[in-house]
Amino acid sequence: MKQLVAAFSLMFLAISATVLASPMHVRFAHLDKDMDGQITLAEAKQDKEVMRQFSDLDEDDDEKISKKEFESFKP
């Protein structure tokens, strides 16, 4: 019985995490193909809107968009 409760709890947590993920976090994760926590220029080419705003989003001019910088993205 305890194992059943634990299994349902884990399933609930997994579903909750998926539902609670914001659309911006999902979009960032989709673009960050190598999952290094940054969107490079090559990765940004997948999305026309991100490409248009790339230089504005890249606040520190390192040719990468961090998660923090991506929070400024306005689709």
N, C-alpha and C. Protein backbone atom coordinates (compact mmCIF):
# COMPACT_ATOMS: atom_id res chain seq x y z
N MET A 1 0.82 -1.20 0.00
CA MET A 1 0.00 0.00 0.00
C MET A 1 0.87 1.27 0.00
N LYS A 2 1.93 1.26 0.81
CA LYS A 2 2.82 2.42 0.86
C LYS A 2 3.47 2.66 -0.50
N GLN A 3 3.81 1.58 -1.20
CA GLN A 3 4.43 1.72 -2.52
C GLN A 3 3.45 2.33 -3.51
N LEU A 4 2.18 1.96 -3.39
CA LEU A 4 1.16 2.50 -4.28
C LEU A 4 0.98 4.00 -4.04
N VAL A 5 0.95 4.38 -2.78
CA VAL A 5 0.83 5.80 -2.44
C VAL A 5 2.05 6.57 -2.94
N ALA A 6 3.23 6.00 -2.75
CA ALA A 6 4.44 6.65 -3.22
C ALA A 6 4.44 6.80 -4.74
N ALA A 7 4.00 5.76 -5.44
CA ALA A 7 3.94 5.82 -6.90
C ALA A 7 2.98 6.90 -7.37
N PHE A 8 1.81 7.00 -6.75
CA PHE A 8 0.84 8.03 -7.12
C PHE A 8 1.37 9.42 -6.80
N SER A 9 2.09 9.53 -5.69
CA SER A 9 2.67 10.83 -5.33
C SER A 9 3.69 11.28 -6.36
N LEU A 10 4.55 10.37 -6.79
CA LEU A 10 5.54 10.71 -7.81
C LEU A 10 4.88 11.08 -9.13
N MET A 11 3.84 10.34 -9.49
CA MET A 11 3.12 10.62 -10.72
C MET A 11 2.47 12.01 -10.64
N PHE A 12 1.88 12.33 -9.50
CA PHE A 12 1.26 13.64 -9.31
C PHE A 12 2.29 14.75 -9.42
N LEU A 13 3.46 14.56 -8.82
CA LEU A 13 4.52 15.57 -8.90
C LEU A 13 4.99 15.78 -10.33
N ALA A 14 5.13 14.70 -11.07
CA ALA A 14 5.56 14.81 -12.47
C ALA A 14 4.53 15.56 -13.30
N ILE A 15 3.28 15.26 -13.11
CA ILE A 15 2.21 15.94 -13.85
C ILE A 15 2.16 17.40 -13.45
N SER A 16 2.28 17.69 -12.17
CA SER A 16 2.24 19.07 -11.68
C SER A 16 3.37 19.89 -12.28
N ALA A 17 4.56 19.31 -12.32
CA ALA A 17 5.72 20.04 -12.87
C ALA A 17 5.49 20.37 -14.33
N THR A 18 4.89 19.46 -15.07
CA THR A 18 4.62 19.70 -16.49
C THR A 18 3.59 20.80 -16.66
N VAL A 19 2.54 20.76 -15.87
CA VAL A 19 1.47 21.75 -15.98
C VAL A 19 1.95 23.12 -15.54
N LEU A 20 2.80 23.16 -14.51
CA LEU A 20 3.26 24.43 -13.97
C LEU A 20 4.38 25.08 -14.78
N ALA A 21 5.00 24.34 -15.66
CA ALA A 21 6.06 24.92 -16.49
C ALA A 21 5.49 26.04 -17.34
N SER A 22 6.08 27.20 -17.25
CA SER A 22 5.56 28.33 -18.00
C SER A 22 5.86 28.16 -19.49
N PRO A 23 5.03 28.76 -20.32
CA PRO A 23 5.28 28.69 -21.77
C PRO A 23 6.66 29.23 -22.14
N MET A 24 7.16 30.24 -21.42
CA MET A 24 8.47 30.79 -21.73
C MET A 24 9.58 29.80 -21.40
N HIS A 25 9.43 29.09 -20.28
CA HIS A 25 10.44 28.08 -19.93
C HIS A 25 10.42 26.93 -20.93
N VAL A 26 9.24 26.57 -21.37
CA VAL A 26 9.12 25.50 -22.37
C VAL A 26 9.77 25.95 -23.67
N ARG A 27 9.50 27.18 -24.07
CA ARG A 27 10.08 27.70 -25.31
C ARG A 27 11.61 27.77 -25.22
N PHE A 28 12.11 28.25 -24.08
CA PHE A 28 13.55 28.31 -23.88
C PHE A 28 14.16 26.91 -23.98
N ALA A 29 13.56 25.95 -23.30
CA ALA A 29 14.06 24.57 -23.31
C ALA A 29 14.04 23.99 -24.72
N HIS A 30 13.01 24.33 -25.48
CA HIS A 30 12.91 23.83 -26.85
C HIS A 30 14.05 24.38 -27.72
N LEU A 31 14.38 25.64 -27.53
CA LEU A 31 15.43 26.26 -28.33
C LEU A 31 16.83 25.85 -27.88
N ASP A 32 17.00 25.58 -26.61
CA ASP A 32 18.30 25.22 -26.04
C ASP A 32 18.58 23.74 -26.31
N LYS A 33 18.91 23.44 -27.56
CA LYS A 33 19.06 22.05 -28.01
C LYS A 33 20.14 21.28 -27.25
N ASP A 34 21.26 21.93 -26.93
CA ASP A 34 22.33 21.20 -26.23
C ASP A 34 22.18 21.26 -24.71
N MET A 35 21.10 21.87 -24.25
CA MET A 35 20.74 21.95 -22.83
C MET A 35 21.87 22.48 -21.95
N ASP A 36 22.54 23.53 -22.43
CA ASP A 36 23.62 24.13 -21.64
C ASP A 36 23.15 25.37 -20.88
N GLY A 37 21.85 25.66 -20.94
CA GLY A 37 21.32 26.80 -20.21
C GLY A 37 21.42 28.11 -20.96
N GLN A 38 21.80 28.05 -22.24
CA GLN A 38 21.93 29.24 -23.06
C GLN A 38 21.45 28.94 -24.48
N ILE A 39 20.96 29.97 -25.13
CA ILE A 39 20.56 29.84 -26.54
C ILE A 39 21.62 30.56 -27.37
N THR A 40 22.30 29.81 -28.19
CA THR A 40 23.32 30.38 -29.07
C THR A 40 22.64 30.95 -30.32
N LEU A 41 23.40 31.66 -31.10
CA LEU A 41 22.88 32.21 -32.35
C LEU A 41 22.41 31.08 -33.27
N ALA A 42 23.16 30.00 -33.34
CA ALA A 42 22.78 28.86 -34.18
C ALA A 42 21.46 28.25 -33.69
N GLU A 43 21.27 28.14 -32.37
CA GLU A 43 20.03 27.59 -31.83
C GLU A 43 18.86 28.55 -32.05
N ALA A 44 19.13 29.85 -31.96
CA ALA A 44 18.07 30.85 -32.12
C ALA A 44 17.52 30.88 -33.54
N LYS A 45 18.29 30.42 -34.51
CA LYS A 45 17.84 30.44 -35.90
C LYS A 45 16.59 29.58 -36.13
N GLN A 46 16.22 28.76 -35.17
CA GLN A 46 15.01 27.95 -35.26
C GLN A 46 13.74 28.79 -35.11
N ASP A 47 13.87 29.99 -34.58
CA ASP A 47 12.71 30.80 -34.22
C ASP A 47 12.89 32.21 -34.76
N LYS A 48 12.06 32.59 -35.72
CA LYS A 48 12.19 33.91 -36.37
C LYS A 48 12.06 35.06 -35.38
N GLU A 49 11.14 34.94 -34.43
CA GLU A 49 10.92 36.02 -33.47
C GLU A 49 12.13 36.20 -32.56
N VAL A 50 12.70 35.10 -32.10
CA VAL A 50 13.89 35.19 -31.25
C VAL A 50 15.05 35.77 -32.05
N MET A 51 15.20 35.35 -33.30
CA MET A 51 16.27 35.88 -34.14
C MET A 51 16.15 37.39 -34.32
N ARG A 52 14.93 37.87 -34.53
CA ARG A 52 14.72 39.32 -34.71
C ARG A 52 15.15 40.11 -33.48
N GLN A 53 14.99 39.51 -32.31
CA GLN A 53 15.29 40.21 -31.06
C GLN A 53 16.62 39.78 -30.44
N PHE A 54 17.37 38.94 -31.14
CA PHE A 54 18.57 38.34 -30.54
C PHE A 54 19.51 39.37 -29.96
N SER A 55 19.86 40.39 -30.71
CA SER A 55 20.84 41.37 -30.21
C SER A 55 20.30 42.15 -29.02
N ASP A 56 18.99 42.39 -28.98
CA ASP A 56 18.40 43.08 -27.82
C ASP A 56 18.37 42.16 -26.60
N LEU A 57 18.08 40.89 -26.82
CA LEU A 57 18.01 39.93 -25.72
C LEU A 57 19.39 39.64 -25.14
N ASP A 58 20.40 39.63 -25.99
CA ASP A 58 21.77 39.34 -25.56
C ASP A 58 22.38 40.58 -24.92
N GLU A 59 21.97 40.84 -23.69
CA GLU A 59 22.34 42.07 -23.00
C GLU A 59 23.84 42.21 -22.76
N ASP A 60 24.55 41.10 -22.56
CA ASP A 60 25.99 41.19 -22.28
C ASP A 60 26.85 40.95 -23.52
N ASP A 61 26.20 40.90 -24.69
CA ASP A 61 26.90 40.77 -25.98
C ASP A 61 27.88 39.59 -26.05
N ASP A 62 27.49 38.45 -25.44
CA ASP A 62 28.35 37.27 -25.52
C ASP A 62 27.88 36.29 -26.59
N GLU A 63 26.94 36.75 -27.42
CA GLU A 63 26.37 35.96 -28.51
C GLU A 63 25.63 34.72 -28.02
N LYS A 64 25.11 34.80 -26.79
CA LYS A 64 24.29 33.75 -26.19
C LYS A 64 23.20 34.43 -25.37
N ILE A 65 22.04 33.78 -25.32
CA ILE A 65 20.94 34.30 -24.51
C ILE A 65 20.77 33.37 -23.32
N SER A 66 20.97 33.91 -22.12
CA SER A 66 20.80 33.13 -20.90
C SER A 66 19.31 33.06 -20.56
N LYS A 67 18.97 32.23 -19.59
CA LYS A 67 17.58 32.15 -19.14
C LYS A 67 17.12 33.50 -18.61
N LYS A 68 18.00 34.17 -17.88
CA LYS A 68 17.66 35.48 -17.33
C LYS A 68 17.40 36.48 -18.46
N GLU A 69 18.27 36.48 -19.46
CA GLU A 69 18.09 37.40 -20.59
C GLU A 69 16.81 37.05 -21.36
N PHE A 70 16.49 35.77 -21.45
CA PHE A 70 15.32 35.34 -22.20
C PHE A 70 14.02 35.80 -21.56
N GLU A 71 14.04 36.10 -20.27
CA GLU A 71 12.85 36.59 -19.59
C GLU A 71 12.36 37.91 -20.20
N SER A 72 13.23 38.63 -20.90
CA SER A 72 12.87 39.89 -21.56
C SER A 72 12.19 39.68 -22.90
N PHE A 73 12.15 38.44 -23.36
CA PHE A 73 11.59 38.12 -24.69
C PHE A 73 10.11 38.48 -24.75
N LYS A 74 9.74 39.19 -25.79
CA LYS A 74 8.34 39.57 -26.02
C LYS A 74 7.91 39.02 -27.39
N PRO A 75 7.19 37.88 -27.38
CA PRO A 75 6.77 37.29 -28.67
C PRO A 75 5.79 38.17 -29.43
